[in-house]
Amino acid sequence: MTNKRSLAKAISKQTRQWVHGYVIPLWTEEGEEDRFAIDCGTLYDNEDTSLEVHEVFPATICRHTGHSKGIYEGDNVKHSSGTTGHVVWSESYLRWVVKTPDNRLSEFYEFMEWELRGGNIYDDQVIHGLIDI
């Protein structure tokens, strides 16, 4: 098992706002639901750290896609051709794809002309009560 940290975002339980950073598991007693936090801390050259840790709603954790425009899992995107959807990980293709409103999958690569169009699928799920926060 690797100890690789990957960038993510999630909705903070404290602020009810999106926070960005690294996912860290929190201690739980046996039988309790898993709990996670996002460490938004900054590493400085002199090895000091600035800790800013937010406990988050696990269902809202979204991995960073590696796209240079800061696009995360679940983000709503639009292609220059007019195609819209949200970013999902495809186990079948083992890569990020865009799921369109009609449930088709569209390719999602760094060099393609995808832009954020605002919001994330979890925003809608929170608003409609599908995720209890």
N, C-alpha and C. Protein backbone atom coordinates (compact mmCIF):
# COMPACT_ATOMS: atom_id res chain seq x y z
N MET A 1 0.84 -1.18 0.00
CA MET A 1 0.00 0.00 0.00
C MET A 1 0.87 1.24 0.00
N THR A 2 0.52 2.18 -0.83
CA THR A 2 1.28 3.41 -0.94
C THR A 2 0.72 4.48 -0.01
N ASN A 3 1.57 5.37 0.41
CA ASN A 3 1.17 6.47 1.28
C ASN A 3 1.00 7.75 0.47
N LYS A 4 0.65 7.63 -0.79
CA LYS A 4 0.50 8.77 -1.69
C LYS A 4 -0.71 9.61 -1.29
N ARG A 5 -0.49 10.91 -1.21
CA ARG A 5 -1.58 11.83 -0.91
C ARG A 5 -2.06 12.44 -2.22
N SER A 6 -3.36 12.53 -2.38
CA SER A 6 -3.88 13.16 -3.58
C SER A 6 -4.81 14.30 -3.22
N LEU A 7 -4.78 15.30 -4.08
CA LEU A 7 -5.57 16.50 -3.87
C LEU A 7 -7.06 16.18 -4.03
N ALA A 8 -7.87 16.79 -3.18
CA ALA A 8 -9.32 16.56 -3.21
C ALA A 8 -10.03 17.80 -2.70
N LYS A 9 -11.36 17.79 -2.83
CA LYS A 9 -12.18 18.82 -2.21
C LYS A 9 -13.40 18.13 -1.63
N ALA A 10 -14.03 18.78 -0.65
CA ALA A 10 -15.23 18.24 -0.02
C ALA A 10 -15.92 19.38 0.72
N ILE A 11 -17.16 19.13 1.16
CA ILE A 11 -17.90 20.14 1.90
C ILE A 11 -17.59 20.00 3.39
N SER A 12 -17.15 21.09 3.98
CA SER A 12 -16.77 21.13 5.39
C SER A 12 -18.00 21.05 6.28
N LYS A 13 -17.91 20.24 7.33
CA LYS A 13 -19.01 20.16 8.30
C LYS A 13 -19.11 21.45 9.11
N GLN A 14 -17.98 22.14 9.31
CA GLN A 14 -17.98 23.36 10.11
C GLN A 14 -18.56 24.55 9.34
N THR A 15 -18.13 24.73 8.08
CA THR A 15 -18.49 25.94 7.34
C THR A 15 -19.56 25.72 6.27
N ARG A 16 -19.84 24.46 5.93
CA ARG A 16 -20.78 24.11 4.86
C ARG A 16 -20.30 24.67 3.50
N GLN A 17 -19.01 24.91 3.38
CA GLN A 17 -18.39 25.41 2.16
C GLN A 17 -17.40 24.37 1.65
N TRP A 18 -17.05 24.47 0.34
CA TRP A 18 -16.05 23.58 -0.22
C TRP A 18 -14.68 23.95 0.34
N VAL A 19 -13.90 22.92 0.71
CA VAL A 19 -12.51 23.10 1.12
C VAL A 19 -11.65 22.21 0.24
N HIS A 20 -10.42 22.65 -0.03
CA HIS A 20 -9.50 21.93 -0.91
C HIS A 20 -8.25 21.55 -0.12
N GLY A 21 -7.73 20.38 -0.40
CA GLY A 21 -6.52 19.93 0.27
C GLY A 21 -6.35 18.44 0.13
N TYR A 22 -5.87 17.81 1.20
CA TYR A 22 -5.59 16.38 1.19
C TYR A 22 -6.49 15.66 2.19
N VAL A 23 -7.05 14.54 1.77
CA VAL A 23 -7.96 13.76 2.62
C VAL A 23 -7.15 13.02 3.69
N ILE A 24 -7.61 13.12 4.92
CA ILE A 24 -7.02 12.35 6.00
C ILE A 24 -8.13 11.65 6.77
N PRO A 25 -7.94 10.35 7.09
CA PRO A 25 -8.96 9.65 7.89
C PRO A 25 -8.89 10.12 9.34
N LEU A 26 -10.03 10.17 9.99
CA LEU A 26 -10.11 10.53 11.40
C LEU A 26 -10.38 9.27 12.23
N TRP A 27 -9.97 9.31 13.46
CA TRP A 27 -10.15 8.17 14.35
C TRP A 27 -11.64 7.93 14.59
N THR A 28 -12.04 6.67 14.50
CA THR A 28 -13.42 6.30 14.83
C THR A 28 -13.39 5.06 15.70
N GLU A 29 -14.39 4.93 16.54
CA GLU A 29 -14.55 3.73 17.36
C GLU A 29 -15.12 2.62 16.48
N GLU A 30 -14.88 1.39 16.87
CA GLU A 30 -15.41 0.25 16.12
C GLU A 30 -16.93 0.37 16.01
N GLY A 31 -17.44 0.19 14.82
CA GLY A 31 -18.87 0.27 14.57
C GLY A 31 -19.35 1.65 14.17
N GLU A 32 -18.51 2.66 14.36
CA GLU A 32 -18.89 4.01 13.95
C GLU A 32 -18.66 4.18 12.45
N GLU A 33 -19.38 5.12 11.85
CA GLU A 33 -19.16 5.43 10.45
C GLU A 33 -17.79 6.05 10.26
N ASP A 34 -17.17 5.81 9.10
CA ASP A 34 -15.88 6.42 8.80
C ASP A 34 -16.01 7.93 8.77
N ARG A 35 -14.97 8.60 9.27
CA ARG A 35 -14.93 10.06 9.28
C ARG A 35 -13.66 10.52 8.59
N PHE A 36 -13.76 11.64 7.87
CA PHE A 36 -12.60 12.15 7.14
C PHE A 36 -12.50 13.66 7.31
N ALA A 37 -11.30 14.15 7.07
CA ALA A 37 -11.06 15.60 7.09
C ALA A 37 -10.25 15.96 5.85
N ILE A 38 -10.29 17.22 5.52
CA ILE A 38 -9.42 17.77 4.47
C ILE A 38 -8.39 18.64 5.17
N ASP A 39 -7.12 18.36 4.93
CA ASP A 39 -6.02 19.15 5.48
C ASP A 39 -5.67 20.21 4.44
N CYS A 40 -6.02 21.45 4.74
CA CYS A 40 -5.77 22.56 3.83
C CYS A 40 -4.46 23.26 4.17
N GLY A 41 -3.67 22.66 5.03
CA GLY A 41 -2.43 23.28 5.51
C GLY A 41 -1.44 23.56 4.40
N THR A 42 -0.55 24.47 4.68
CA THR A 42 0.47 24.87 3.73
C THR A 42 1.83 24.45 4.24
N LEU A 43 2.64 23.86 3.36
CA LEU A 43 4.02 23.53 3.71
C LEU A 43 4.92 24.69 3.31
N TYR A 44 5.78 25.11 4.20
CA TYR A 44 6.70 26.19 3.91
C TYR A 44 8.10 25.62 3.70
N ASP A 45 8.98 26.42 3.11
CA ASP A 45 10.34 25.96 2.81
C ASP A 45 11.10 25.54 4.06
N ASN A 46 10.84 26.18 5.19
CA ASN A 46 11.57 25.86 6.42
C ASN A 46 10.94 24.70 7.18
N GLU A 47 10.04 23.96 6.52
CA GLU A 47 9.38 22.76 7.05
C GLU A 47 8.34 23.05 8.13
N ASP A 48 8.05 24.34 8.39
CA ASP A 48 6.93 24.67 9.27
C ASP A 48 5.65 24.41 8.50
N THR A 49 4.58 24.18 9.21
CA THR A 49 3.30 23.96 8.55
C THR A 49 2.24 24.87 9.13
N SER A 50 1.28 25.19 8.33
CA SER A 50 0.13 25.95 8.78
C SER A 50 -1.05 25.00 8.70
N LEU A 51 -1.56 24.55 9.83
CA LEU A 51 -2.63 23.56 9.82
C LEU A 51 -3.99 24.23 9.71
N GLU A 52 -4.75 23.74 8.78
CA GLU A 52 -6.14 24.14 8.63
C GLU A 52 -6.88 22.87 8.25
N VAL A 53 -7.50 22.24 9.21
CA VAL A 53 -8.14 20.94 8.99
C VAL A 53 -9.64 21.09 9.20
N HIS A 54 -10.40 20.56 8.25
CA HIS A 54 -11.86 20.61 8.30
C HIS A 54 -12.40 19.19 8.23
N GLU A 55 -13.23 18.80 9.21
CA GLU A 55 -13.95 17.54 9.05
C GLU A 55 -14.97 17.76 7.93
N VAL A 56 -15.10 16.75 7.05
CA VAL A 56 -15.95 16.89 5.87
C VAL A 56 -17.01 15.80 5.81
N PHE A 57 -18.03 16.05 4.99
CA PHE A 57 -19.04 15.04 4.73
C PHE A 57 -18.45 14.04 3.74
N PRO A 58 -18.24 12.78 4.15
CA PRO A 58 -17.56 11.80 3.29
C PRO A 58 -18.17 11.66 1.90
N ALA A 59 -19.49 11.77 1.80
CA ALA A 59 -20.15 11.59 0.49
C ALA A 59 -19.79 12.69 -0.49
N THR A 60 -19.21 13.80 -0.01
CA THR A 60 -18.88 14.92 -0.90
C THR A 60 -17.41 14.96 -1.31
N ILE A 61 -16.62 13.98 -0.92
CA ILE A 61 -15.19 13.98 -1.26
C ILE A 61 -15.03 13.77 -2.77
N CYS A 62 -14.35 14.70 -3.41
CA CYS A 62 -14.13 14.68 -4.86
C CYS A 62 -12.64 14.74 -5.15
N ARG A 63 -12.13 13.77 -5.89
CA ARG A 63 -10.71 13.74 -6.23
C ARG A 63 -10.39 14.73 -7.35
N HIS A 64 -9.19 15.28 -7.30
CA HIS A 64 -8.72 16.16 -8.37
C HIS A 64 -8.41 15.32 -9.59
N THR A 65 -8.80 15.80 -10.78
CA THR A 65 -8.62 15.03 -12.01
C THR A 65 -7.22 15.15 -12.59
N GLY A 66 -6.43 16.08 -12.10
CA GLY A 66 -5.13 16.33 -12.69
C GLY A 66 -5.20 17.36 -13.80
N HIS A 67 -6.39 17.80 -14.15
CA HIS A 67 -6.58 18.81 -15.19
C HIS A 67 -6.03 20.14 -14.69
N SER A 68 -5.28 20.83 -15.52
CA SER A 68 -4.63 22.08 -15.10
C SER A 68 -5.61 23.18 -14.75
N LYS A 69 -6.85 23.07 -15.15
CA LYS A 69 -7.85 24.11 -14.84
C LYS A 69 -8.52 23.88 -13.49
N GLY A 70 -7.98 22.96 -12.67
CA GLY A 70 -8.52 22.74 -11.33
C GLY A 70 -9.87 22.06 -11.33
N ILE A 71 -10.05 21.07 -12.20
CA ILE A 71 -11.33 20.37 -12.30
C ILE A 71 -11.30 19.13 -11.41
N TYR A 72 -12.37 18.96 -10.62
CA TYR A 72 -12.49 17.86 -9.68
C TYR A 72 -13.61 16.91 -10.10
N GLU A 73 -13.57 15.73 -9.55
CA GLU A 73 -14.64 14.74 -9.72
C GLU A 73 -15.98 15.41 -9.38
N GLY A 74 -16.97 15.20 -10.24
CA GLY A 74 -18.30 15.75 -9.99
C GLY A 74 -18.51 17.16 -10.48
N ASP A 75 -17.44 17.86 -10.89
CA ASP A 75 -17.59 19.23 -11.37
C ASP A 75 -18.37 19.26 -12.67
N ASN A 76 -19.22 20.27 -12.79
CA ASN A 76 -19.99 20.48 -14.02
C ASN A 76 -19.10 21.17 -15.04
N VAL A 77 -19.02 20.59 -16.23
CA VAL A 77 -18.13 21.11 -17.27
C VAL A 77 -18.88 21.27 -18.58
N LYS A 78 -18.26 22.07 -19.47
CA LYS A 78 -18.82 22.28 -20.81
C LYS A 78 -17.68 22.26 -21.82
N HIS A 79 -17.89 21.55 -22.91
CA HIS A 79 -16.91 21.47 -23.99
C HIS A 79 -17.18 22.59 -24.99
N SER A 80 -16.16 22.98 -25.74
CA SER A 80 -16.33 24.04 -26.74
C SER A 80 -17.37 23.66 -27.80
N SER A 81 -17.64 22.36 -27.95
CA SER A 81 -18.66 21.90 -28.91
C SER A 81 -20.08 22.08 -28.39
N GLY A 82 -20.20 22.41 -27.07
CA GLY A 82 -21.51 22.58 -26.46
C GLY A 82 -21.92 21.43 -25.56
N THR A 83 -21.20 20.31 -25.62
CA THR A 83 -21.50 19.16 -24.76
C THR A 83 -21.30 19.55 -23.30
N THR A 84 -22.24 19.16 -22.44
CA THR A 84 -22.13 19.44 -21.01
C THR A 84 -22.24 18.14 -20.23
N GLY A 85 -21.86 18.19 -18.97
CA GLY A 85 -21.96 17.03 -18.09
C GLY A 85 -21.16 17.26 -16.83
N HIS A 86 -20.90 16.17 -16.12
CA HIS A 86 -20.05 16.25 -14.94
C HIS A 86 -18.99 15.14 -15.00
N VAL A 87 -17.86 15.39 -14.36
CA VAL A 87 -16.70 14.50 -14.44
C VAL A 87 -16.86 13.34 -13.48
N VAL A 88 -16.63 12.13 -13.99
CA VAL A 88 -16.69 10.90 -13.18
C VAL A 88 -15.49 10.02 -13.52
N TRP A 89 -15.12 9.14 -12.61
CA TRP A 89 -14.09 8.15 -12.87
C TRP A 89 -14.76 6.92 -13.47
N SER A 90 -14.22 6.45 -14.58
CA SER A 90 -14.76 5.26 -15.23
C SER A 90 -13.89 4.06 -14.91
N GLU A 91 -14.45 3.10 -14.18
CA GLU A 91 -13.72 1.86 -13.89
C GLU A 91 -13.53 1.05 -15.17
N SER A 92 -14.45 1.15 -16.12
CA SER A 92 -14.35 0.42 -17.38
C SER A 92 -13.18 0.91 -18.22
N TYR A 93 -13.02 2.24 -18.29
CA TYR A 93 -11.97 2.83 -19.12
C TYR A 93 -10.72 3.19 -18.31
N LEU A 94 -10.83 3.12 -16.99
CA LEU A 94 -9.74 3.48 -16.08
C LEU A 94 -9.21 4.88 -16.36
N ARG A 95 -10.13 5.83 -16.49
CA ARG A 95 -9.77 7.22 -16.70
C ARG A 95 -10.98 8.11 -16.39
N TRP A 96 -10.72 9.42 -16.31
CA TRP A 96 -11.77 10.39 -16.11
C TRP A 96 -12.56 10.55 -17.40
N VAL A 97 -13.87 10.64 -17.28
CA VAL A 97 -14.77 10.88 -18.42
C VAL A 97 -15.82 11.89 -17.98
N VAL A 98 -16.57 12.39 -18.95
CA VAL A 98 -17.68 13.30 -18.65
C VAL A 98 -18.97 12.54 -18.90
N LYS A 99 -19.82 12.52 -17.87
CA LYS A 99 -21.14 11.89 -17.98
C LYS A 99 -22.13 12.98 -18.38
N THR A 100 -22.73 12.82 -19.55
CA THR A 100 -23.66 13.82 -20.08
C THR A 100 -25.04 13.63 -19.45
N PRO A 101 -25.93 14.62 -19.58
CA PRO A 101 -27.27 14.50 -19.00
C PRO A 101 -28.05 13.28 -19.50
N ASP A 102 -27.74 12.79 -20.70
CA ASP A 102 -28.42 11.59 -21.21
C ASP A 102 -27.64 10.31 -20.89
N ASN A 103 -26.72 10.38 -19.90
CA ASN A 103 -25.94 9.26 -19.37
C ASN A 103 -24.93 8.66 -20.35
N ARG A 104 -24.57 9.40 -21.39
CA ARG A 104 -23.48 8.95 -22.25
C ARG A 104 -22.16 9.39 -21.62
N LEU A 105 -21.08 8.68 -21.99
CA LEU A 105 -19.76 9.05 -21.50
C LEU A 105 -18.99 9.71 -22.63
N SER A 106 -18.35 10.82 -22.33
CA SER A 106 -17.56 11.56 -23.30
C SER A 106 -16.12 11.63 -22.82
N GLU A 107 -15.17 11.61 -23.75
CA GLU A 107 -13.76 11.64 -23.36
C GLU A 107 -13.41 12.94 -22.65
N PHE A 108 -12.52 12.83 -21.69
CA PHE A 108 -12.07 13.98 -20.90
C PHE A 108 -10.56 13.91 -20.80
N TYR A 109 -9.88 14.70 -21.60
CA TYR A 109 -8.42 14.73 -21.58
C TYR A 109 -7.96 16.16 -21.34
N GLU A 110 -6.74 16.30 -20.83
CA GLU A 110 -6.16 17.61 -20.54
C GLU A 110 -6.18 18.52 -21.77
N PHE A 111 -5.84 17.96 -22.94
CA PHE A 111 -5.71 18.79 -24.13
C PHE A 111 -7.06 19.19 -24.73
N MET A 112 -8.13 18.57 -24.26
CA MET A 112 -9.45 18.89 -24.81
C MET A 112 -9.98 20.18 -24.20
N GLU A 113 -10.88 20.82 -24.88
CA GLU A 113 -11.37 22.14 -24.50
C GLU A 113 -12.55 22.07 -23.54
N TRP A 114 -12.32 21.56 -22.33
CA TRP A 114 -13.36 21.52 -21.30
C TRP A 114 -13.17 22.71 -20.39
N GLU A 115 -14.27 23.32 -20.00
CA GLU A 115 -14.26 24.45 -19.07
C GLU A 115 -15.22 24.17 -17.94
N LEU A 116 -14.90 24.68 -16.75
CA LEU A 116 -15.85 24.61 -15.64
C LEU A 116 -17.05 25.48 -15.99
N ARG A 117 -18.25 24.96 -15.72
CA ARG A 117 -19.44 25.79 -15.96
C ARG A 117 -20.14 26.12 -14.66
N GLY A 118 -19.48 25.84 -13.57
CA GLY A 118 -20.01 26.21 -12.25
C GLY A 118 -20.72 25.06 -11.57
N GLY A 119 -20.44 24.91 -10.31
CA GLY A 119 -21.12 23.92 -9.50
C GLY A 119 -20.55 22.52 -9.61
N ASN A 120 -21.10 21.66 -8.82
CA ASN A 120 -20.68 20.27 -8.70
C ASN A 120 -21.95 19.46 -8.46
N ILE A 121 -21.96 18.20 -8.87
CA ILE A 121 -23.17 17.39 -8.69
C ILE A 121 -23.58 17.30 -7.23
N TYR A 122 -22.62 17.40 -6.31
CA TYR A 122 -22.96 17.30 -4.90
C TYR A 122 -23.68 18.55 -4.41
N ASP A 123 -23.44 19.70 -5.06
CA ASP A 123 -24.19 20.91 -4.71
C ASP A 123 -25.69 20.64 -4.88
N ASP A 124 -26.05 20.08 -6.03
CA ASP A 124 -27.46 19.78 -6.31
C ASP A 124 -28.02 18.74 -5.34
N GLN A 125 -27.22 17.73 -5.02
CA GLN A 125 -27.69 16.68 -4.12
C GLN A 125 -27.90 17.21 -2.71
N VAL A 126 -27.07 18.14 -2.27
CA VAL A 126 -27.25 18.75 -0.96
C VAL A 126 -28.51 19.61 -0.96
N ILE A 127 -28.69 20.41 -2.02
CA ILE A 127 -29.86 21.29 -2.12
C ILE A 127 -31.15 20.48 -2.10
N HIS A 128 -31.16 19.34 -2.78
CA HIS A 128 -32.37 18.52 -2.87
C HIS A 128 -32.48 17.49 -1.74
N GLY A 129 -31.59 17.55 -0.76
CA GLY A 129 -31.68 16.68 0.40
C GLY A 129 -31.25 15.25 0.18
N LEU A 130 -30.56 14.95 -0.94
CA LEU A 130 -30.09 13.59 -1.19
C LEU A 130 -28.85 13.27 -0.37
N ILE A 131 -28.13 14.30 0.03
CA ILE A 131 -27.01 14.15 0.97
C ILE A 131 -27.38 14.98 2.18
N ASP A 132 -27.39 14.35 3.33
CA ASP A 132 -27.79 15.02 4.57
C ASP A 132 -26.57 15.68 5.19
N ILE A 133 -26.58 17.00 5.22
CA ILE A 133 -25.47 17.70 5.88
C ILE A 133 -25.98 18.59 6.98
